[in-house]
Amino acid sequence: MSETDRQYEGRLIDEYMTLKDIRDIANKENAVETVKMIEKKMQIIKLKLQPTELPD
């Protein structure tokens, strides 16, 4: 059984919030490369959550 759009978005939001918490800890530890990678993954999630507009 496949998940609904709402379930998919909820899962992405949960993942985003988890990455945000990890990023905060990585910032405190001055783990620069880790923070960069986490922010890259967060940006991908943001893109997935944006509505897609296709040209006519």
PDB file of N, CA and C in Angstrom:
ATOM      1  N   MET A   1       0.850  -1.178   0.000  1.00  0.00           N
ATOM      2  CA  MET A   1       0.000   0.000   0.000  1.00  0.00           C
ATOM      3  C   MET A   1       0.893   1.238   0.000  1.00  0.00           C
ATOM      4  N   SER A   2       0.659   2.126  -0.938  1.00  0.00           N
ATOM      5  CA  SER A   2       1.511   3.309  -1.014  1.00  0.00           C
ATOM      6  C   SER A   2       0.962   4.406  -0.109  1.00  0.00           C
ATOM      7  N   GLU A   3       1.875   5.308   0.287  1.00  0.00           N
ATOM      8  CA  GLU A   3       1.472   6.381   1.186  1.00  0.00           C
ATOM      9  C   GLU A   3       0.802   7.515   0.418  1.00  0.00           C
ATOM     10  N   THR A   4      -0.020   8.271   1.120  1.00  0.00           N
ATOM     11  CA  THR A   4      -0.690   9.406   0.494  1.00  0.00           C
ATOM     12  C   THR A   4       0.277  10.585   0.423  1.00  0.00           C
ATOM     13  N   ASP A   5      -0.104  11.593  -0.341  1.00  0.00           N
ATOM     14  CA  ASP A   5       0.723  12.804  -0.439  1.00  0.00           C
ATOM     15  C   ASP A   5       0.921  13.432   0.931  1.00  0.00           C
ATOM     16  N   ARG A   6      -0.122  13.443   1.722  1.00  0.00           N
ATOM     17  CA  ARG A   6      -0.054  14.048   3.056  1.00  0.00           C
ATOM     18  C   ARG A   6       0.924  13.275   3.952  1.00  0.00           C
ATOM     19  N   GLN A   7       0.885  11.948   3.878  1.00  0.00           N
ATOM     20  CA  GLN A   7       1.812  11.125   4.654  1.00  0.00           C
ATOM     21  C   GLN A   7       3.241  11.361   4.193  1.00  0.00           C
ATOM     22  N   TYR A   8       3.443  11.449   2.892  1.00  0.00           N
ATOM     23  CA  TYR A   8       4.763  11.692   2.323  1.00  0.00           C
ATOM     24  C   TYR A   8       5.310  13.034   2.807  1.00  0.00           C
ATOM     25  N   GLU A   9       4.475  14.075   2.730  1.00  0.00           N
ATOM     26  CA  GLU A   9       4.900  15.394   3.193  1.00  0.00           C
ATOM     27  C   GLU A   9       5.202  15.383   4.685  1.00  0.00           C
ATOM     28  N   GLY A  10       4.385  14.690   5.454  1.00  0.00           N
ATOM     29  CA  GLY A  10       4.629  14.586   6.896  1.00  0.00           C
ATOM     30  C   GLY A  10       5.957  13.916   7.194  1.00  0.00           C
ATOM     31  N   ARG A  11       6.273  12.874   6.429  1.00  0.00           N
ATOM     32  CA  ARG A  11       7.543  12.170   6.613  1.00  0.00           C
ATOM     33  C   ARG A  11       8.717  13.084   6.268  1.00  0.00           C
ATOM     34  N   LEU A  12       8.570  13.858   5.196  1.00  0.00           N
ATOM     35  CA  LEU A  12       9.633  14.803   4.826  1.00  0.00           C
ATOM     36  C   LEU A  12       9.818  15.882   5.896  1.00  0.00           C
ATOM     37  N   ILE A  13       8.722  16.364   6.449  1.00  0.00           N
ATOM     38  CA  ILE A  13       8.816  17.380   7.499  1.00  0.00           C
ATOM     39  C   ILE A  13       9.499  16.798   8.734  1.00  0.00           C
ATOM     40  N   ASP A  14       9.162  15.578   9.103  1.00  0.00           N
ATOM     41  CA  ASP A  14       9.821  14.916  10.238  1.00  0.00           C
ATOM     42  C   ASP A  14      11.319  14.790   9.993  1.00  0.00           C
ATOM     43  N   GLU A  15      11.678  14.379   8.790  1.00  0.00           N
ATOM     44  CA  GLU A  15      13.089  14.234   8.437  1.00  0.00           C
ATOM     45  C   GLU A  15      13.808  15.591   8.484  1.00  0.00           C
ATOM     46  N   TYR A  16      13.138  16.622   7.994  1.00  0.00           N
ATOM     47  CA  TYR A  16      13.699  17.974   8.008  1.00  0.00           C
ATOM     48  C   TYR A  16      13.961  18.427   9.441  1.00  0.00           C
ATOM     49  N   MET A  17      12.998  18.199  10.320  1.00  0.00           N
ATOM     50  CA  MET A  17      13.149  18.624  11.715  1.00  0.00           C
ATOM     51  C   MET A  17      14.269  17.847  12.409  1.00  0.00           C
ATOM     52  N   THR A  18      14.416  16.583  12.080  1.00  0.00           N
ATOM     53  CA  THR A  18      15.510  15.781  12.632  1.00  0.00           C
ATOM     54  C   THR A  18      16.853  16.336  12.180  1.00  0.00           C
ATOM     55  N   LEU A  19      16.956  16.640  10.890  1.00  0.00           N
ATOM     56  CA  LEU A  19      18.197  17.215  10.361  1.00  0.00           C
ATOM     57  C   LEU A  19      18.490  18.571  11.000  1.00  0.00           C
ATOM     58  N   LYS A  20      17.460  19.341  11.262  1.00  0.00           N
ATOM     59  CA  LYS A  20      17.626  20.649  11.899  1.00  0.00           C
ATOM     60  C   LYS A  20      18.226  20.484  13.300  1.00  0.00           C
ATOM     61  N   ASP A  21      17.703  19.520  14.060  1.00  0.00           N
ATOM     62  CA  ASP A  21      18.233  19.260  15.404  1.00  0.00           C
ATOM     63  C   ASP A  21      19.691  18.821  15.349  1.00  0.00           C
ATOM     64  N   ILE A  22      20.006  17.936  14.397  1.00  0.00           N
ATOM     65  CA  ILE A  22      21.384  17.455  14.245  1.00  0.00           C
ATOM     66  C   ILE A  22      22.294  18.600  13.817  1.00  0.00           C
ATOM     67  N   ARG A  23      21.798  19.457  12.916  1.00  0.00           N
ATOM     68  CA  ARG A  23      22.589  20.607  12.474  1.00  0.00           C
ATOM     69  C   ARG A  23      22.926  21.534  13.639  1.00  0.00           C
ATOM     70  N   ASP A  24      21.964  21.745  14.534  1.00  0.00           N
ATOM     71  CA  ASP A  24      22.203  22.603  15.693  1.00  0.00           C
ATOM     72  C   ASP A  24      23.333  22.051  16.564  1.00  0.00           C
ATOM     73  N   ILE A  25      23.346  20.761  16.760  1.00  0.00           N
ATOM     74  CA  ILE A  25      24.412  20.128  17.549  1.00  0.00           C
ATOM     75  C   ILE A  25      25.744  20.232  16.808  1.00  0.00           C
ATOM     76  N   ALA A  26      25.725  19.976  15.505  1.00  0.00           N
ATOM     77  CA  ALA A  26      26.947  20.061  14.699  1.00  0.00           C
ATOM     78  C   ALA A  26      27.511  21.486  14.726  1.00  0.00           C
ATOM     79  N   ASN A  27      26.635  22.486  14.715  1.00  0.00           N
ATOM     80  CA  ASN A  27      27.095  23.871  14.819  1.00  0.00           C
ATOM     81  C   ASN A  27      27.803  24.121  16.145  1.00  0.00           C
ATOM     82  N   LYS A  28      27.229  23.607  17.228  1.00  0.00           N
ATOM     83  CA  LYS A  28      27.844  23.775  18.550  1.00  0.00           C
ATOM     84  C   LYS A  28      29.217  23.113  18.620  1.00  0.00           C
ATOM     85  N   GLU A  29      29.385  22.029  17.880  1.00  0.00           N
ATOM     86  CA  GLU A  29      30.646  21.286  17.874  1.00  0.00           C
ATOM     87  C   GLU A  29      31.611  21.803  16.808  1.00  0.00           C
ATOM     88  N   ASN A  30      31.203  22.837  16.085  1.00  0.00           N
ATOM     89  CA  ASN A  30      32.016  23.409  15.000  1.00  0.00           C
ATOM     90  C   ASN A  30      32.379  22.376  13.933  1.00  0.00           C
ATOM     91  N   ALA A  31      31.434  21.517  13.616  1.00  0.00           N
ATOM     92  CA  ALA A  31      31.633  20.496  12.586  1.00  0.00           C
ATOM     93  C   ALA A  31      31.190  21.087  11.244  1.00  0.00           C
ATOM     94  N   VAL A  32      32.039  21.899  10.669  1.00  0.00           N
ATOM     95  CA  VAL A  32      31.702  22.694   9.490  1.00  0.00           C
ATOM     96  C   VAL A  32      31.249  21.833   8.306  1.00  0.00           C
ATOM     97  N   GLU A  33      32.001  20.816   7.988  1.00  0.00           N
ATOM     98  CA  GLU A  33      31.655  19.968   6.835  1.00  0.00           C
ATOM     99  C   GLU A  33      30.339  19.228   7.070  1.00  0.00           C
ATOM    100  N   THR A  34      30.107  18.808   8.285  1.00  0.00           N
ATOM    101  CA  THR A  34      28.854  18.125   8.622  1.00  0.00           C
ATOM    102  C   THR A  34      27.677  19.076   8.456  1.00  0.00           C
ATOM    103  N   VAL A  35      27.835  20.296   8.919  1.00  0.00           N
ATOM    104  CA  VAL A  35      26.773  21.299   8.787  1.00  0.00           C
ATOM    105  C   VAL A  35      26.470  21.547   7.309  1.00  0.00           C
ATOM    106  N   LYS A  36      27.490  21.645   6.491  1.00  0.00           N
ATOM    107  CA  LYS A  36      27.280  21.866   5.055  1.00  0.00           C
ATOM    108  C   LYS A  36      26.471  20.735   4.432  1.00  0.00           C
ATOM    109  N   MET A  37      26.811  19.507   4.777  1.00  0.00           N
ATOM    110  CA  MET A  37      26.107  18.347   4.221  1.00  0.00           C
ATOM    111  C   MET A  37      24.655  18.320   4.705  1.00  0.00           C
ATOM    112  N   ILE A  38      24.436  18.605   5.966  1.00  0.00           N
ATOM    113  CA  ILE A  38      23.079  18.620   6.507  1.00  0.00           C
ATOM    114  C   ILE A  38      22.251  19.699   5.814  1.00  0.00           C
ATOM    115  N   GLU A  39      22.815  20.876   5.635  1.00  0.00           N
ATOM    116  CA  GLU A  39      22.089  21.961   4.978  1.00  0.00           C
ATOM    117  C   GLU A  39      21.759  21.621   3.530  1.00  0.00           C
ATOM    118  N   LYS A  40      22.647  20.887   2.881  1.00  0.00           N
ATOM    119  CA  LYS A  40      22.386  20.433   1.510  1.00  0.00           C
ATOM    120  C   LYS A  40      21.171  19.502   1.492  1.00  0.00           C
ATOM    121  N   LYS A  41      21.127  18.574   2.435  1.00  0.00           N
ATOM    122  CA  LYS A  41      19.999  17.635   2.520  1.00  0.00           C
ATOM    123  C   LYS A  41      18.702  18.367   2.874  1.00  0.00           C
ATOM    124  N   MET A  42      18.800  19.371   3.742  1.00  0.00           N
ATOM    125  CA  MET A  42      17.622  20.157   4.110  1.00  0.00           C
ATOM    126  C   MET A  42      17.081  20.916   2.904  1.00  0.00           C
ATOM    127  N   GLN A  43      17.963  21.425   2.072  1.00  0.00           N
ATOM    128  CA  GLN A  43      17.545  22.156   0.874  1.00  0.00           C
ATOM    129  C   GLN A  43      16.808  21.232  -0.092  1.00  0.00           C
ATOM    130  N   ILE A  44      17.265  20.011  -0.220  1.00  0.00           N
ATOM    131  CA  ILE A  44      16.595  19.041  -1.091  1.00  0.00           C
ATOM    132  C   ILE A  44      15.176  18.772  -0.590  1.00  0.00           C
ATOM    133  N   ILE A  45      15.029  18.637   0.718  1.00  0.00           N
ATOM    134  CA  ILE A  45      13.700  18.408   1.292  1.00  0.00           C
ATOM    135  C   ILE A  45      12.799  19.613   1.034  1.00  0.00           C
ATOM    136  N   LYS A  46      13.339  20.821   1.193  1.00  0.00           N
ATOM    137  CA  LYS A  46      12.549  22.030   0.922  1.00  0.00           C
ATOM    138  C   LYS A  46      12.052  22.030  -0.524  1.00  0.00           C
ATOM    139  N   LEU A  47      12.914  21.648  -1.439  1.00  0.00           N
ATOM    140  CA  LEU A  47      12.524  21.603  -2.853  1.00  0.00           C
ATOM    141  C   LEU A  47      11.403  20.592  -3.089  1.00  0.00           C
ATOM    142  N   LYS A  48      11.474  19.460  -2.412  1.00  0.00           N
ATOM    143  CA  LYS A  48      10.441  18.432  -2.563  1.00  0.00           C
ATOM    144  C   LYS A  48       9.097  18.896  -2.019  1.00  0.00           C
ATOM    145  N   LEU A  49       9.120  19.769  -1.028  1.00  0.00           N
ATOM    146  CA  LEU A  49       7.889  20.242  -0.416  1.00  0.00           C
ATOM    147  C   LEU A  49       7.250  21.418  -1.145  1.00  0.00           C
ATOM    148  N   GLN A  50       8.004  22.062  -2.031  1.00  0.00           N
ATOM    149  CA  GLN A  50       7.460  23.191  -2.771  1.00  0.00           C
ATOM    150  C   GLN A  50       6.511  22.688  -3.853  1.00  0.00           C
ATOM    151  N   PRO A  51       5.435  23.435  -4.071  1.00  0.00           N
ATOM    152  CA  PRO A  51       4.559  23.028  -5.177  1.00  0.00           C
ATOM    153  C   PRO A  51       5.289  23.184  -6.516  1.00  0.00           C
ATOM    154  N   THR A  52       5.074  22.254  -7.372  1.00  0.00           N
ATOM    155  CA  THR A  52       5.729  22.276  -8.676  1.00  0.00           C
ATOM    156  C   THR A  52       4.830  22.971  -9.684  1.00  0.00           C
ATOM    157  N   GLU A  53       5.395  23.938 -10.400  1.00  0.00           N
ATOM    158  CA  GLU A  53       4.643  24.603 -11.450  1.00  0.00           C
ATOM    159  C   GLU A  53       5.281  24.242 -12.780  1.00  0.00           C
ATOM    160  N   LEU A  54       4.489  23.614 -13.628  1.00  0.00           N
ATOM    161  CA  LEU A  54       4.981  23.224 -14.940  1.00  0.00           C
ATOM    162  C   LEU A  54       4.497  24.232 -15.982  1.00  0.00           C
ATOM    163  N   PRO A  55       5.306  24.498 -16.997  1.00  0.00           N
ATOM    164  CA  PRO A  55       4.868  25.424 -18.048  1.00  0.00           C
ATOM    165  C   PRO A  55       3.721  24.813 -18.859  1.00  0.00           C
ATOM    166  N   ASP A  56       2.924  25.675 -19.464  1.00  0.00           N
ATOM    167  CA  ASP A  56       1.808  25.205 -20.307  1.00  0.00           C
ATOM    168  C   ASP A  56       2.280  24.512 -21.537  1.00  0.00           C
TER     169      ASP A  56
END
